[in-house]
Amino acid sequence: MSDACESCVVSGKADFQRFGVDVSDADAVVALAGNPNTGKTTLFNALTGLRMHVGNWPGKTVAQAIGGFRIRGRKYRLVDLPGTYSLLSNSPDEEVARDFLLFGEPDTTVVVCDATALERNLALVLQVLEITPRVVVAINLMDEARKRGIEIDHRELARDLGVPVVPISARIGLGIPSLLDSIEAVSMGKQGRTTPREMDYGPEIEAAIKPIMEQLRREHPSLKNARWVALRLLEGDPSVLNELRAGTLGLTTHAVGPEV
C-alpha cells in the first residue's frame, strides 16, 4: 500500500477481530444489511465477483461471508450480515448483525431494501440509522417494481431519511456505479455529514434514556453508540446485559479470521 493511502486504512482494527474479520489490508469496511429475500446476496456477488471467504461467525452457527472490491484504487472489505427483519436480538442472526454494526463500527453500512415491499423494509433501515449515520440505502429490484407499476421517489426518500438512497437492480447491474459512488462518498466523508432523523420515543422514555447514556459514557468512553445501548438496557436485552456484567461491552474477544 502506498504512503498516500496509509491515512485511510481502517482504524480500530481490533474492533473487527472479535468478529473474525481480517481488515489488515483494507482501506474501509462495508457492511451489507437487509431483510431476507431482498436480493442482498445477489448484490454481494455483484460487488465481489464471487470472490469471498465463507465460514461461521465466531462462537455462532450463523454463516458468514466476506468479500472485497475496489473503488478507484481503494480496497473495501465487504461483510455480508445475516438477513434479518430486526436488530432487537431475538435470534442469533439478529444478534450477529446488531453486534457487528454496534461494536465493529463499519465505515459504511449498505441497507438493501426490496422496491416491491419498501414500507416493510424501512423498519430495519430506521433501526440501523439509530446505530450509525454512515448509511447508504440501496433500493433493489427496481426492474420488478417498474413492471408492477410501482414508482419510488428515491430523492425525496433520501431527504426524509437524511442519508443517500440509490435505486438499483443487482441482478442486471442497474445502478451499481451510482451505489459505488455513494459508498465511497460516505466512507471517505465526501458525502458531508449524513443527518438521519433521531427517533423520539416520547418524554418518559427519553427521560429514562438520558441517565443511562450518561453512565455508559462515563464507564465506557470509547463506546460511540451509547444511545442504542441505553435503549437495549432499558428493554432488558439479555445479550447486552450479559456483556455489560462481564465487562466485555464493545471489547475484542475473538482472533482474526482468514484473510479474503
Foldseek 3Di string as FASTA:
>chain_A
DDPVLPVQQDPPQLLCFQFQADRPPASFEEEEEEAPPLCSVLLVCLAFVPAWDWDAGPPDPHIWIWGWHDDPRGIYIYTYQDHDQALLPPDPSSVRVNSCCQQVVTLEYEYGAELVPRVSTVVRVLRSCLRDLRYEYEHEPVVVCVVVVHDDPQVVVCVQQQAHYFYAHSNVGGRPVVVVVRNVCSSVVVVPGRDGDDDDPDDVVVVQLVVQLVVCCVVPVVRPNSSSLSVSVVVVRPVSVVCVVVVNVSGRDHGHHDHD
